[in-house]
Amino acid sequence: MIGLDTSFLVALSIREHTAHNASLKLFNEEIRNRNGSMALTPQVLAEYSHVITDSRRFEHPLQMDEAIELCDQWWHSRECYQVSANSEAAAVFLSWMTEYRLGRKQILDTLLAASYYCAGVKKLATTNWRDFNRYGVFEILTLE
């Protein structure tokens, strides 16, 4: 099972994104063609819909109704394993924030990492590998 970060989903969905082709290749090879599974959290879907509708980031952003439809498709796809933060993830999140002396810009990624870790996710697809590499518990799938 592969945990999907927002950055990966954005690159996969937005053709003008510099990592679009690499994300599509990774998705096809690791999930679609292998009948693999992907892990998602509501947090990723919320951030994803925020980013892909932002006209300051993209020349051709999606409309909010399109973004919500995509979120619904991702969340209810047969490949999706739905992960939510729980008390165990909260404890790991707080521990990692303290242990790694992280600040406000690492809060969301740390909660995401803790949620995936506690759900048994061992691989992550992201364009921001540095955000997750510090924990030493994930295989980061790189986009080449």
C-alpha atoms as a PDB file:
ATOM      1  CA  MET A   1       0.000   0.000   0.000  1.00  0.00           C
ATOM      2  CA  ILE A   2       1.260   3.456  -0.918  1.00  0.00           C
ATOM      3  CA  GLY A   3       0.364   6.559   1.050  1.00  0.00           C
ATOM      4  CA  LEU A   4      -0.367   9.487  -1.223  1.00  0.00           C
ATOM      5  CA  ASP A   5       0.775  12.967  -0.304  1.00  0.00           C
ATOM      6  CA  THR A   6      -1.080  16.024  -1.561  1.00  0.00           C
ATOM      7  CA  SER A   7       1.877  17.052  -3.707  1.00  0.00           C
ATOM      8  CA  PHE A   8       1.720  13.747  -5.575  1.00  0.00           C
ATOM      9  CA  LEU A   9      -2.035  13.986  -6.226  1.00  0.00           C
ATOM     10  CA  VAL A  10      -1.667  17.573  -7.428  1.00  0.00           C
ATOM     11  CA  ALA A  11       1.112  16.627  -9.843  1.00  0.00           C
ATOM     12  CA  LEU A  12      -0.943  13.676 -11.052  1.00  0.00           C
ATOM     13  CA  SER A  13      -4.037  15.818 -11.680  1.00  0.00           C
ATOM     14  CA  ILE A  14      -2.590  19.016 -13.147  1.00  0.00           C
ATOM     15  CA  ARG A  15      -1.064  18.511 -16.581  1.00  0.00           C
ATOM     16  CA  GLU A  16       0.954  21.733 -16.427  1.00  0.00           C
ATOM     17  CA  HIS A  17       2.690  20.578 -13.226  1.00  0.00           C
ATOM     18  CA  THR A  18       6.385  19.844 -13.814  1.00  0.00           C
ATOM     19  CA  ALA A  19       6.058  16.426 -12.156  1.00  0.00           C
ATOM     20  CA  HIS A  20       2.851  15.399 -13.959  1.00  0.00           C
ATOM     21  CA  ASN A  21       4.411  12.816 -16.288  1.00  0.00           C
ATOM     22  CA  ALA A  22       6.521  11.288 -13.527  1.00  0.00           C
ATOM     23  CA  SER A  23       3.512  11.091 -11.201  1.00  0.00           C
ATOM     24  CA  LEU A  24       1.390   9.476 -13.891  1.00  0.00           C
ATOM     25  CA  LYS A  25       4.117   6.935 -14.599  1.00  0.00           C
ATOM     26  CA  LEU A  26       4.514   6.079 -10.911  1.00  0.00           C
ATOM     27  CA  PHE A  27       0.737   5.793 -10.418  1.00  0.00           C
ATOM     28  CA  ASN A  28       0.371   3.505 -13.434  1.00  0.00           C
ATOM     29  CA  GLU A  29       3.349   1.318 -12.552  1.00  0.00           C
ATOM     30  CA  GLU A  30       2.860   1.064  -8.791  1.00  0.00           C
ATOM     31  CA  ILE A  31      -0.911   1.136  -8.375  1.00  0.00           C
ATOM     32  CA  ARG A  32      -2.976   0.740 -11.527  1.00  0.00           C
ATOM     33  CA  ASN A  33      -0.932  -1.929 -13.367  1.00  0.00           C
ATOM     34  CA  ARG A  34      -0.142  -3.947 -10.233  1.00  0.00           C
ATOM     35  CA  ASN A  35      -3.635  -3.836  -8.757  1.00  0.00           C
ATOM     36  CA  GLY A  36      -2.034  -2.041  -5.847  1.00  0.00           C
ATOM     37  CA  SER A  37      -3.659   0.009  -3.179  1.00  0.00           C
ATOM     38  CA  MET A  38      -3.231   3.585  -2.064  1.00  0.00           C
ATOM     39  CA  ALA A  39      -3.817   5.170   1.305  1.00  0.00           C
ATOM     40  CA  LEU A  40      -5.532   8.541   1.620  1.00  0.00           C
ATOM     41  CA  THR A  41      -6.571  10.772   4.491  1.00  0.00           C
ATOM     42  CA  PRO A  42      -9.295  13.432   4.554  1.00  0.00           C
ATOM     43  CA  GLN A  43      -6.484  15.912   5.257  1.00  0.00           C
ATOM     44  CA  VAL A  44      -4.890  15.150   1.872  1.00  0.00           C
ATOM     45  CA  LEU A  45      -8.208  15.577   0.081  1.00  0.00           C
ATOM     46  CA  ALA A  46      -8.839  18.936   1.763  1.00  0.00           C
ATOM     47  CA  GLU A  47      -5.392  20.277   0.900  1.00  0.00           C
ATOM     48  CA  TYR A  48      -5.631  18.820  -2.608  1.00  0.00           C
ATOM     49  CA  SER A  49      -8.919  20.599  -3.358  1.00  0.00           C
ATOM     50  CA  HIS A  50      -7.448  23.833  -2.000  1.00  0.00           C
ATOM     51  CA  VAL A  51      -4.333  23.642  -4.185  1.00  0.00           C
ATOM     52  CA  ILE A  52      -5.807  22.480  -7.509  1.00  0.00           C
ATOM     53  CA  THR A  53      -8.352  25.314  -7.507  1.00  0.00           C
ATOM     54  CA  ASP A  54      -5.755  28.039  -6.912  1.00  0.00           C
ATOM     55  CA  SER A  55      -5.409  30.346  -9.931  1.00  0.00           C
ATOM     56  CA  ARG A  56      -2.234  31.853  -8.474  1.00  0.00           C
ATOM     57  CA  ARG A  57      -0.510  28.476  -8.712  1.00  0.00           C
ATOM     58  CA  PHE A  58      -1.819  27.228 -12.043  1.00  0.00           C
ATOM     59  CA  GLU A  59      -2.776  28.747 -15.352  1.00  0.00           C
ATOM     60  CA  HIS A  60      -5.625  26.238 -15.659  1.00  0.00           C
ATOM     61  CA  PRO A  61      -6.883  25.465 -12.144  1.00  0.00           C
ATOM     62  CA  LEU A  62      -9.921  23.308 -11.628  1.00  0.00           C
ATOM     63  CA  GLN A  63     -13.234  24.660 -10.441  1.00  0.00           C
ATOM     64  CA  MET A  64     -14.264  23.693  -6.913  1.00  0.00           C
ATOM     65  CA  ASP A  65     -17.032  21.359  -8.104  1.00  0.00           C
ATOM     66  CA  GLU A  66     -14.480  19.542 -10.296  1.00  0.00           C
ATOM     67  CA  ALA A  67     -12.074  19.305  -7.373  1.00  0.00           C
ATOM     68  CA  ILE A  68     -14.729  17.869  -5.072  1.00  0.00           C
ATOM     69  CA  GLU A  69     -15.742  15.339  -7.731  1.00  0.00           C
ATOM     70  CA  LEU A  70     -12.111  14.215  -8.060  1.00  0.00           C
ATOM     71  CA  CYS A  71     -11.800  13.942  -4.279  1.00  0.00           C
ATOM     72  CA  ASP A  72     -14.934  11.806  -4.200  1.00  0.00           C
ATOM     73  CA  GLN A  73     -13.552   9.564  -6.950  1.00  0.00           C
ATOM     74  CA  TRP A  74     -10.208   9.127  -5.163  1.00  0.00           C
ATOM     75  CA  TRP A  75     -11.831   8.467  -1.786  1.00  0.00           C
ATOM     76  CA  HIS A  76     -14.296   5.890  -3.116  1.00  0.00           C
ATOM     77  CA  SER A  77     -12.041   4.144  -5.620  1.00  0.00           C
ATOM     78  CA  ARG A  78     -11.525   0.424  -5.146  1.00  0.00           C
ATOM     79  CA  GLU A  79      -7.780   1.030  -4.707  1.00  0.00           C
ATOM     80  CA  CYS A  80      -8.262   3.454  -1.802  1.00  0.00           C
ATOM     81  CA  TYR A  81      -7.574   2.514   1.790  1.00  0.00           C
ATOM     82  CA  GLN A  82      -9.113   5.262   3.916  1.00  0.00           C
ATOM     83  CA  VAL A  83      -6.913   6.425   6.798  1.00  0.00           C
ATOM     84  CA  SER A  84      -7.908   8.838   9.537  1.00  0.00           C
ATOM     85  CA  ALA A  85      -5.904  10.260  12.400  1.00  0.00           C
ATOM     86  CA  ASN A  86      -6.608   8.532  15.701  1.00  0.00           C
ATOM     87  CA  SER A  87      -5.256   8.775  19.245  1.00  0.00           C
ATOM     88  CA  GLU A  88      -2.201   6.687  18.373  1.00  0.00           C
ATOM     89  CA  ALA A  89      -1.416   8.965  15.405  1.00  0.00           C
ATOM     90  CA  ALA A  90      -1.854  12.016  17.640  1.00  0.00           C
ATOM     91  CA  ALA A  91       0.690  10.628  20.104  1.00  0.00           C
ATOM     92  CA  VAL A  92       3.202   9.897  17.328  1.00  0.00           C
ATOM     93  CA  PHE A  93       2.571  13.338  15.802  1.00  0.00           C
ATOM     94  CA  LEU A  94       3.301  15.082  19.114  1.00  0.00           C
ATOM     95  CA  SER A  95       6.340  12.922  19.721  1.00  0.00           C
ATOM     96  CA  TRP A  96       7.812  13.627  16.271  1.00  0.00           C
ATOM     97  CA  MET A  97       7.115  17.356  16.543  1.00  0.00           C
ATOM     98  CA  THR A  98       9.129  17.405  19.781  1.00  0.00           C
ATOM     99  CA  GLU A  99      11.836  14.911  18.801  1.00  0.00           C
ATOM    100  CA  TYR A 100      12.645  16.611  15.487  1.00  0.00           C
ATOM    101  CA  ARG A 101      12.064  20.132  16.858  1.00  0.00           C
ATOM    102  CA  LEU A 102       9.649  20.940  14.055  1.00  0.00           C
ATOM    103  CA  GLY A 103       7.877  24.220  13.545  1.00  0.00           C
ATOM    104  CA  ARG A 104       4.536  25.358  12.214  1.00  0.00           C
ATOM    105  CA  LYS A 105       5.377  24.637   8.568  1.00  0.00           C
ATOM    106  CA  GLN A 106       5.836  20.939   9.325  1.00  0.00           C
ATOM    107  CA  ILE A 107       2.603  20.431  11.300  1.00  0.00           C
ATOM    108  CA  LEU A 108       0.384  19.064   8.524  1.00  0.00           C
ATOM    109  CA  ASP A 109       3.016  16.795   6.966  1.00  0.00           C
ATOM    110  CA  THR A 110       3.946  15.438  10.399  1.00  0.00           C
ATOM    111  CA  LEU A 111       0.312  14.618  11.195  1.00  0.00           C
ATOM    112  CA  LEU A 112      -0.018  12.977   7.781  1.00  0.00           C
ATOM    113  CA  ALA A 113       3.156  10.949   8.321  1.00  0.00           C
ATOM    114  CA  ALA A 114       2.004   9.865  11.782  1.00  0.00           C
ATOM    115  CA  SER A 115      -1.426   8.855  10.455  1.00  0.00           C
ATOM    116  CA  TYR A 116       0.067   6.759   7.673  1.00  0.00           C
ATOM    117  CA  TYR A 117       2.704   5.243   9.945  1.00  0.00           C
ATOM    118  CA  CYS A 118       0.099   4.177  12.506  1.00  0.00           C
ATOM    119  CA  ALA A 119      -2.040   2.664   9.735  1.00  0.00           C
ATOM    120  CA  GLY A 120       0.870   0.472   8.631  1.00  0.00           C
ATOM    121  CA  VAL A 121       1.699   2.392   5.462  1.00  0.00           C
ATOM    122  CA  LYS A 122       5.341   1.819   4.567  1.00  0.00           C
ATOM    123  CA  LYS A 123       5.634   3.616   1.208  1.00  0.00           C
ATOM    124  CA  LEU A 124       4.879   7.230   0.319  1.00  0.00           C
ATOM    125  CA  ALA A 125       4.389   8.937  -3.026  1.00  0.00           C
ATOM    126  CA  THR A 126       5.308  12.607  -2.772  1.00  0.00           C
ATOM    127  CA  THR A 127       7.145  15.306  -4.660  1.00  0.00           C
ATOM    128  CA  ASN A 128       8.434  16.646  -1.318  1.00  0.00           C
ATOM    129  CA  TRP A 129      10.521  13.689  -0.131  1.00  0.00           C
ATOM    130  CA  ARG A 130      12.453  15.824   2.388  1.00  0.00           C
ATOM    131  CA  ASP A 131       9.232  16.417   4.348  1.00  0.00           C
ATOM    132  CA  PHE A 132       8.945  12.701   5.140  1.00  0.00           C
ATOM    133  CA  ASN A 133      12.478  11.325   4.938  1.00  0.00           C
ATOM    134  CA  ARG A 134      13.426  12.642   8.394  1.00  0.00           C
ATOM    135  CA  TYR A 135      11.253  10.080  10.188  1.00  0.00           C
ATOM    136  CA  GLY A 136      13.147   7.092   8.790  1.00  0.00           C
ATOM    137  CA  VAL A 137      10.052   4.886   8.625  1.00  0.00           C
ATOM    138  CA  PHE A 138       8.965   5.206   4.980  1.00  0.00           C
ATOM    139  CA  GLU A 139      10.219   4.140   1.613  1.00  0.00           C
ATOM    140  CA  ILE A 140       9.842   7.319  -0.419  1.00  0.00           C
ATOM    141  CA  LEU A 141       8.878   6.662  -4.024  1.00  0.00           C
ATOM    142  CA  THR A 142      10.760   9.167  -6.114  1.00  0.00           C
ATOM    143  CA  LEU A 143       9.422  10.789  -9.239  1.00  0.00           C
ATOM    144  CA  GLU A 144      11.851  10.342 -12.113  1.00  0.00           C
END
